[in-house]
């Protein structure tokens, strides 16, 4: 039996609205507050109250605190979470939300992810919204999260850097690849924090699933409109072993890509490790190193980057600026990929995401996602390979033989 949640974001999504809705759904405020107060944060108090939102009674949140350090770097927030006693899945979910926001801010401002100052998102209220919502999800034992398409609103908004169009730059960047919903409202409906939840934690976006409703919660925003400014969270029970979550189209994997290469013999291992992660963070389709021997019998490293043809100039410049090489080779290559599909498999370790490879609509490969196996191994204190093999057995029984 698996608990799933559907976020009905008809009026957008913000962190405080989501946390309020989860508490209205039944999350224990004592559990949430006690865990939050175990973190090295400034003193705060949470106040939940019911308010009428255009005829709907929704729970709203007010946070009282004295903020001493308004700006926080991403790495500082990661350290707070990693060094805490929070449940492991709460840590993973919280960091995932912060990370997608940090990645967006880093891209917009042209800086390293660890050095991103979160501004509004790093303020106390947003830290509480993100970690508090992840605590609520854990306390409610929610495994899968789905959502409706996301409205953003339109117009202008005042943020730390000045007056910007809606959606704010970070919100727009986070929502790339996310289906949006049209809603003609001259105001901000979705915040970077809300968008971060969608990008980091949602398994699929679309209509409400055909499942039996178990419970409903309503979270209200601070603004009042001529429509209910709420998010509705709907809890379902999934009793099937396997639930398909998303099937990307073949258009998601370009057939023609660019392969860039260069040889490096004078960069440290730390620098190379950092570079590889940055290439992925900036949109490379693939990147890897190959050990080689260069002239004068010098051990060296061959960097290979695969990118879309449209991004060729960007990555050529990026490699020249961020490595010690004096040149980059580039050639166009063809690529054939399997259609990828993700399914959710109920196992004795809980819900595990399975990546499927399809050829001519036939499943020919299936493997569990590493992060889910890692989480199960940590939670059960069993060897990683033991857990992996158990799940592989379930995959063969439930998927490859079906």
Protein backbone atom coordinates (compact mmCIF):
# COMPACT_ATOMS: atom_id res chain seq x y z
CA UNK A 1 0.00 0.00 0.00
CA UNK A 2 1.48 3.33 -1.10
CA UNK A 3 0.40 6.83 -0.12
CA UNK A 4 0.46 9.36 -2.93
CA UNK A 5 -0.27 13.08 -3.01
CA UNK A 6 -1.69 15.23 -5.80
CA UNK A 7 -1.00 18.97 -5.67
CA UNK A 8 -3.88 20.83 -7.28
CA UNK A 9 -2.08 24.12 -8.04
CA UNK A 10 -4.99 26.00 -9.62
CA UNK A 11 -3.73 29.26 -8.01
CA UNK A 12 -0.03 28.41 -8.20
CA UNK A 13 2.20 27.20 -5.39
CA UNK A 14 4.28 28.81 -2.64
CA UNK A 15 6.13 27.23 0.25
CA UNK A 16 3.86 28.55 3.01
CA UNK A 17 0.74 27.45 1.12
CA UNK A 18 2.10 23.92 0.71
CA UNK A 19 3.12 23.58 4.36
CA UNK A 20 -0.29 24.88 5.49
CA UNK A 21 -2.10 22.44 3.19
CA UNK A 22 -0.08 19.49 4.50
CA UNK A 23 -0.89 20.45 8.08
CA UNK A 24 -4.56 20.80 7.11
CA UNK A 25 -4.28 17.32 5.60
CA UNK A 26 -3.25 15.98 9.00
CA UNK A 27 0.50 16.49 9.45
CA UNK A 28 1.42 16.84 13.13
CA UNK A 29 2.58 20.40 13.90
CA UNK A 30 4.40 19.25 17.05
CA UNK A 31 6.52 16.84 14.99
CA UNK A 32 7.29 19.56 12.44
CA UNK A 33 8.10 22.28 14.98
CA UNK A 34 10.20 20.04 17.25
CA UNK A 35 12.35 18.93 14.31
CA UNK A 36 12.71 22.49 13.00
CA UNK A 37 13.73 23.78 16.43
CA UNK A 38 16.48 21.13 16.56
CA UNK A 39 18.22 23.04 13.74
CA UNK A 40 20.67 25.93 14.35
CA UNK A 41 18.16 28.60 13.33
CA UNK A 42 17.05 31.82 14.97
CA UNK A 43 14.10 31.62 17.37
CA UNK A 44 10.75 31.39 15.62
CA UNK A 45 7.08 30.60 16.17
CA UNK A 46 4.63 29.09 13.68
CA UNK A 47 0.96 30.11 13.78
CA UNK A 48 -1.59 28.20 11.71
CA UNK A 49 -5.12 29.63 11.41
CA UNK A 50 -8.18 29.03 9.26
CA UNK A 51 -9.18 31.83 6.87
CA UNK A 52 -11.97 32.16 4.36
CA UNK A 53 -10.58 32.17 0.82
CA UNK A 54 -13.50 33.01 -1.49
CA UNK A 55 -15.78 30.58 0.29
CA UNK A 56 -13.22 27.90 1.14
CA UNK A 57 -11.85 27.47 4.65
CA UNK A 58 -8.10 27.10 4.17
CA UNK A 59 -5.27 26.90 6.69
CA UNK A 60 -2.76 29.76 6.51
CA UNK A 61 0.66 30.17 8.08
CA UNK A 62 2.31 33.10 9.85
CA UNK A 63 5.95 32.85 10.97
CA UNK A 64 7.31 35.10 13.72
CA UNK A 65 11.10 35.38 13.92
CA UNK A 66 14.00 37.79 14.17
CA UNK A 67 16.26 37.32 11.15
CA UNK A 68 19.87 38.17 11.91
CA UNK A 69 21.43 37.04 8.60
CA UNK A 70 19.08 37.60 5.70
CA UNK A 71 21.40 36.17 3.02
CA UNK A 72 22.68 32.58 3.21
CA UNK A 73 24.89 30.66 0.82
CA UNK A 74 23.68 27.36 -0.57
CA UNK A 75 26.53 25.45 1.04
CA UNK A 76 25.58 26.87 4.46
CA UNK A 77 22.03 25.58 4.11
CA UNK A 78 23.27 22.18 2.89
CA UNK A 79 25.53 21.95 5.96
CA UNK A 80 22.64 22.78 8.31
CA UNK A 81 20.58 19.97 6.79
CA UNK A 82 23.35 17.38 6.44
CA UNK A 83 24.60 17.90 10.00
CA UNK A 84 21.11 17.67 11.50
CA UNK A 85 19.24 14.74 13.04
CA UNK A 86 16.42 15.03 10.48
CA UNK A 87 15.15 11.77 8.93
CA UNK A 88 17.20 10.76 5.90
CA UNK A 89 14.40 11.22 3.37
CA UNK A 90 13.65 14.67 4.80
CA UNK A 91 17.30 15.61 4.29
CA UNK A 92 17.29 14.31 0.72
CA UNK A 93 14.04 16.00 -0.23
CA UNK A 94 14.97 19.32 1.41
CA UNK A 95 18.38 19.44 -0.27
CA UNK A 96 16.80 18.51 -3.61
CA UNK A 97 14.46 21.51 -3.39
CA UNK A 98 17.22 23.91 -2.36
CA UNK A 99 19.51 22.50 -5.04
CA UNK A 100 17.17 23.14 -7.98
CA UNK A 101 16.73 26.72 -6.74
CA UNK A 102 20.49 27.15 -6.32
CA UNK A 103 21.16 25.73 -9.79
CA UNK A 104 18.71 28.23 -11.28
CA UNK A 105 20.22 31.17 -9.38
CA UNK A 106 23.75 30.10 -10.34
CA UNK A 107 22.86 29.98 -14.02
CA UNK A 108 21.08 33.34 -13.94
CA UNK A 109 23.85 35.15 -12.08
CA UNK A 110 26.80 33.29 -13.61
CA UNK A 111 28.33 31.92 -10.41
CA UNK A 112 29.22 28.70 -8.66
CA UNK A 113 26.29 26.89 -7.04
CA UNK A 114 27.91 26.81 -3.57
CA UNK A 115 28.35 30.59 -3.67
CA UNK A 116 24.74 31.40 -4.49
CA UNK A 117 23.13 33.78 -2.01
CA UNK A 118 19.53 32.75 -1.65
CA UNK A 119 18.15 36.22 -0.84
CA UNK A 120 14.39 35.70 -0.25
CA UNK A 121 14.70 31.91 -0.55
CA UNK A 122 17.46 31.82 2.04
CA UNK A 123 15.43 33.79 4.57
CA UNK A 124 14.10 32.05 7.66
CA UNK A 125 10.56 31.75 6.42
CA UNK A 126 11.59 29.93 3.24
CA UNK A 127 13.95 27.58 5.08
CA UNK A 128 11.07 26.74 7.40
CA UNK A 129 8.65 26.32 4.47
CA UNK A 130 10.95 23.90 2.62
CA UNK A 131 12.19 21.77 5.51
CA UNK A 132 8.82 21.98 7.27
CA UNK A 133 6.97 20.73 4.18
CA UNK A 134 9.42 17.85 3.77
CA UNK A 135 8.90 16.97 7.43
CA UNK A 136 5.14 17.03 6.86
CA UNK A 137 5.46 14.73 3.86
CA UNK A 138 7.52 12.33 5.97
CA UNK A 139 5.13 12.41 8.90
CA UNK A 140 2.20 11.75 6.53
CA UNK A 141 4.25 8.89 4.96
CA UNK A 142 3.83 10.27 1.44
CA UNK A 143 5.85 8.31 -1.13
CA UNK A 144 4.77 9.67 -4.52
CA UNK A 145 3.86 13.26 -5.37
CA UNK A 146 2.02 14.39 -8.51
CA UNK A 147 0.84 17.85 -9.55
CA UNK A 148 -1.37 19.76 -11.93
CA UNK A 149 0.13 22.10 -14.56
CA UNK A 150 1.44 25.27 -12.90
CA UNK A 151 0.10 28.83 -13.40
CA UNK A 152 2.61 31.63 -12.82
CA UNK A 153 0.61 34.84 -13.19
CA UNK A 154 1.99 37.87 -15.04
CA UNK A 155 3.03 41.48 -14.48
CA UNK A 156 5.94 42.86 -12.40
CA UNK A 157 7.39 42.00 -9.00
CA UNK A 158 9.86 43.68 -6.67
CA UNK A 159 12.68 41.30 -5.68
CA UNK A 160 16.16 41.75 -4.18
CA UNK A 161 17.67 42.76 -7.54
CA UNK A 162 14.93 45.23 -8.51
CA UNK A 163 11.68 45.15 -10.46
CA UNK A 164 11.41 42.02 -12.62
CA UNK A 165 8.72 40.45 -14.80
CA UNK A 166 6.55 37.60 -13.53
CA UNK A 167 7.50 34.80 -13.41
CA UNK A 168 10.64 35.95 -11.63
CA UNK A 169 13.89 34.84 -13.33
CA UNK A 170 14.57 32.03 -10.85
CA UNK A 171 10.97 30.80 -11.05
CA UNK A 172 11.05 30.77 -14.86
CA UNK A 173 14.39 28.93 -14.92
CA UNK A 174 13.21 26.30 -12.43
CA UNK A 175 10.00 25.72 -14.39
CA UNK A 176 11.81 24.88 -17.64
CA UNK A 177 10.41 21.57 -18.84
CA UNK A 178 7.37 21.87 -16.54
CA UNK A 179 3.90 22.14 -18.14
CA UNK A 180 2.34 25.51 -17.32
CA UNK A 181 -1.34 26.43 -16.97
CA UNK A 182 -2.86 29.66 -18.30
CA UNK A 183 -4.44 31.82 -15.60
CA UNK A 184 -4.88 35.53 -16.37
CA UNK A 185 -3.86 37.02 -13.02
CA UNK A 186 -1.71 40.15 -12.75
CA UNK A 187 0.28 38.93 -9.74
CA UNK A 188 2.85 36.32 -8.74
CA UNK A 189 1.11 32.97 -8.26
CA UNK A 190 4.16 30.69 -8.12
CA UNK A 191 7.29 31.55 -6.14
CA UNK A 192 10.82 30.14 -6.58
CA UNK A 193 10.26 28.01 -3.47
CA UNK A 194 7.01 26.61 -4.85
CA UNK A 195 8.60 25.97 -8.23
CA UNK A 196 11.49 24.24 -6.45
CA UNK A 197 9.10 21.73 -4.88
CA UNK A 198 7.59 20.99 -8.28
CA UNK A 199 10.92 20.50 -10.06
CA UNK A 200 12.58 18.50 -7.27
CA UNK A 201 9.86 16.23 -5.91
CA UNK A 202 7.07 15.76 -8.46
CA UNK A 203 6.93 12.42 -10.28
CA UNK A 204 4.45 13.48 -12.96
CA UNK A 205 2.38 16.51 -13.95
CA UNK A 206 -1.07 16.21 -15.44
CA UNK A 207 -4.72 15.57 -14.58
CA UNK A 208 -5.74 14.11 -11.25
CA UNK A 209 -4.97 10.36 -11.19
CA UNK A 210 -7.79 7.81 -11.36
CA UNK A 211 -7.43 6.66 -7.77
CA UNK A 212 -9.57 6.69 -4.65
CA UNK A 213 -9.36 9.91 -2.60
CA UNK A 214 -8.37 9.31 0.99
CA UNK A 215 -8.11 12.86 2.38
CA UNK A 216 -7.93 16.52 1.28
CA UNK A 217 -6.15 19.56 2.72
CA UNK A 218 -6.35 23.26 1.81
CA UNK A 219 -3.52 25.76 2.22
CA UNK A 220 -4.15 29.48 1.71
CA UNK A 221 -1.85 32.25 0.55
CA UNK A 222 -1.54 35.64 2.23
CA UNK A 223 -3.07 37.55 -0.69
CA UNK A 224 -6.79 37.75 -1.43
CA UNK A 225 -8.20 37.65 -4.96
CA UNK A 226 -11.62 37.21 -6.55
CA UNK A 227 -10.87 33.46 -6.64
CA UNK A 228 -9.72 31.01 -3.93
CA UNK A 229 -6.01 31.71 -3.43
CA UNK A 230 -5.32 28.17 -2.24
CA UNK A 231 -3.48 24.99 -3.01
CA UNK A 232 -5.45 21.78 -2.59
CA UNK A 233 -3.53 18.64 -1.66
CA UNK A 234 -5.29 15.34 -2.25
CA UNK A 235 -4.09 12.11 -0.67
CA UNK A 236 -4.60 8.83 -2.53
CA UNK A 237 -3.86 5.24 -1.71
CA UNK A 238 -2.16 3.32 -4.50
CA UNK A 239 -2.73 -0.40 -4.05
CA UNK A 240 -1.21 -1.62 -7.32
CA UNK A 241 2.35 -2.94 -7.41
CA UNK A 242 3.39 -0.81 -10.38
CA UNK A 243 2.30 2.70 -11.27
CA UNK A 244 3.59 4.36 -14.43
CA UNK A 245 4.65 7.91 -13.70
CA UNK A 246 5.96 9.45 -16.92
CA UNK A 247 6.88 8.55 -20.47
CA UNK A 248 9.05 11.13 -22.22
CA UNK A 249 8.68 11.36 -25.99
CA UNK A 250 11.49 10.39 -28.34
CA UNK A 251 11.92 14.12 -29.07
CA UNK A 252 13.53 14.47 -25.63
CA UNK A 253 16.67 12.71 -26.92
CA UNK A 254 18.15 14.38 -30.02
CA UNK A 255 19.37 12.02 -32.76
CA UNK A 256 22.18 14.35 -33.85
CA UNK A 257 24.56 15.69 -31.21
CA UNK A 258 27.96 17.35 -31.00
CA UNK A 259 31.00 15.61 -29.50
CA UNK A 260 33.71 17.88 -28.08
CA UNK A 261 37.13 16.64 -26.97
CA UNK A 262 40.36 17.99 -25.53
CA UNK A 263 43.45 16.55 -23.83
CA UNK A 264 44.50 17.78 -20.38
CA UNK A 265 47.78 16.99 -18.60
CA UNK A 266 48.16 19.83 -16.08
CA UNK A 267 44.97 20.04 -13.98
CA UNK A 268 44.47 18.58 -10.52
CA UNK A 269 42.04 15.77 -9.75
CA UNK A 270 39.98 18.19 -7.63
CA UNK A 271 39.70 20.62 -10.54
CA UNK A 272 38.70 17.89 -12.96
CA UNK A 273 36.04 16.58 -10.60
CA UNK A 274 34.58 20.07 -10.19
CA UNK A 275 34.65 20.67 -13.95
CA UNK A 276 32.74 17.50 -14.77
CA UNK A 277 29.91 18.38 -12.38
CA UNK A 278 29.75 21.91 -13.77
CA UNK A 279 29.41 20.59 -17.31
CA UNK A 280 26.38 18.54 -16.28
CA UNK A 281 24.93 21.44 -14.31
CA UNK A 282 25.20 23.64 -17.40
CA UNK A 283 23.27 21.24 -19.61
CA UNK A 284 25.75 18.78 -21.14
CA UNK A 285 24.00 15.61 -22.32
CA UNK A 286 27.02 13.58 -21.20
CA UNK A 287 30.60 14.17 -20.10
CA UNK A 288 33.37 11.81 -19.10
CA UNK A 289 37.13 11.33 -18.75
CA UNK A 290 39.40 8.76 -20.38
CA UNK A 291 42.99 8.16 -19.18
CA UNK A 292 45.48 8.53 -22.05
CA UNK A 293 49.24 8.83 -22.66
CA UNK A 294 50.35 12.01 -24.46
CA UNK A 295 53.61 13.11 -26.00
CA UNK A 296 56.77 12.63 -23.93
CA UNK A 297 54.96 9.65 -22.32
CA UNK A 298 52.93 11.93 -20.05
CA UNK A 299 49.84 10.44 -18.36
CA UNK A 300 46.89 12.70 -19.19
CA UNK A 301 43.11 12.88 -19.37
CA UNK A 302 40.87 13.05 -22.41
CA UNK A 303 37.73 15.12 -21.75
CA UNK A 304 34.71 14.23 -23.87
CA UNK A 305 31.54 16.31 -23.79
CA UNK A 306 28.30 15.44 -25.60
CA UNK A 307 25.92 18.35 -26.14
CA UNK A 308 23.11 19.45 -28.42
CA UNK A 309 24.26 20.98 -31.69
CA UNK A 310 22.68 24.30 -30.66
CA UNK A 311 24.90 24.41 -27.55
CA UNK A 312 28.19 23.72 -29.38
CA UNK A 313 29.59 27.25 -29.22
CA UNK A 314 28.63 27.63 -25.57
CA UNK A 315 30.45 24.46 -24.47
CA UNK A 316 33.48 25.12 -26.69
CA UNK A 317 33.89 28.49 -25.00
CA UNK A 318 33.17 26.98 -21.57
CA UNK A 319 35.90 24.34 -21.99
CA UNK A 320 38.45 26.89 -23.22
CA UNK A 321 37.69 29.23 -20.30
CA UNK A 322 37.54 26.60 -17.54
CA UNK A 323 40.32 24.17 -18.43
CA UNK A 324 44.02 24.49 -19.26
CA UNK A 325 43.59 23.25 -22.84
CA UNK A 326 44.49 25.48 -25.78
CA UNK A 327 42.03 23.90 -28.21
CA UNK A 328 38.86 21.84 -28.56
CA UNK A 329 38.02 19.27 -31.26
CA UNK A 330 34.41 19.11 -32.38
CA UNK A 331 32.47 16.72 -34.59
CA UNK A 332 28.80 15.96 -35.22
CA UNK A 333 27.72 12.40 -34.41
CA UNK A 334 24.51 10.41 -34.59
CA UNK A 335 22.98 8.98 -31.44
CA UNK A 336 20.43 6.20 -31.03
CA UNK A 337 18.75 5.90 -27.64
CA UNK A 338 16.10 3.75 -26.07
CA UNK A 339 12.82 5.38 -25.16
CA UNK A 340 12.97 5.89 -21.39
CA UNK A 341 10.05 5.31 -19.05
CA UNK A 342 9.92 5.57 -15.28
CA UNK A 343 7.71 3.35 -13.19
CA UNK A 344 7.19 3.04 -9.47
CA UNK A 345 7.57 -0.42 -7.93
CA UNK A 346 6.35 -1.33 -4.45
CA UNK A 347 8.92 -3.50 -2.70
CA UNK A 348 9.65 -4.56 0.87
CA UNK A 349 11.96 -1.51 0.96
CA UNK A 350 9.12 0.82 0.07
CA UNK A 351 8.53 2.66 -3.19
CA UNK A 352 11.43 2.32 -5.68
CA UNK A 353 11.65 4.19 -8.98
CA UNK A 354 12.53 1.94 -11.92
CA UNK A 355 14.06 3.20 -15.17
CA UNK A 356 12.91 1.24 -18.20
CA UNK A 357 14.45 1.14 -21.68
CA UNK A 358 12.00 0.46 -24.52
CA UNK A 359 12.66 -0.48 -28.13
CA UNK A 360 9.67 -0.63 -30.48
CA UNK A 361 7.40 -0.32 -27.41
CA UNK A 362 8.95 -3.41 -25.82
CA UNK A 363 10.76 -3.27 -22.47
CA UNK A 364 14.26 -4.61 -23.00
CA UNK A 365 16.05 -3.12 -19.97
CA UNK A 366 15.05 -2.23 -16.42
CA UNK A 367 17.06 -1.04 -13.43
CA UNK A 368 16.33 0.68 -10.11
CA UNK A 369 17.32 4.30 -9.58
CA UNK A 370 20.53 4.55 -7.56
CA UNK A 371 19.25 7.17 -5.08
CA UNK A 372 16.24 5.02 -4.14
CA UNK A 373 18.43 1.96 -3.59
CA UNK A 374 20.88 4.04 -1.54
CA UNK A 375 18.05 5.38 0.62
CA UNK A 376 16.71 1.85 1.19
CA UNK A 377 20.17 0.54 2.10
CA UNK A 378 20.70 3.36 4.63
CA UNK A 379 17.25 2.96 6.17
CA UNK A 380 17.57 -0.82 6.55
CA UNK A 381 21.31 -0.83 7.36
CA UNK A 382 21.86 -3.51 4.71
CA UNK A 383 24.66 -3.71 2.12
CA UNK A 384 23.89 -1.73 -1.02
CA UNK A 385 24.38 -4.73 -3.35
CA UNK A 386 22.12 -6.92 -1.19
CA UNK A 387 19.30 -4.36 -1.51
CA UNK A 388 20.02 -3.89 -5.22
CA UNK A 389 19.79 -7.62 -5.92
CA UNK A 390 16.53 -7.92 -3.94
CA UNK A 391 14.99 -5.13 -6.00
CA UNK A 392 16.33 -6.62 -9.24
CA UNK A 393 14.48 -9.83 -8.36
CA UNK A 394 11.26 -7.84 -7.90
CA UNK A 395 11.83 -6.08 -11.22
CA UNK A 396 12.17 -9.39 -13.02
CA UNK A 397 9.05 -10.78 -11.35
CA UNK A 398 6.77 -7.76 -11.80
CA UNK A 399 8.04 -5.96 -14.90
CA UNK A 400 10.24 -7.97 -17.22
CA UNK A 401 7.93 -11.00 -17.09
CA UNK A 402 4.68 -9.03 -17.42
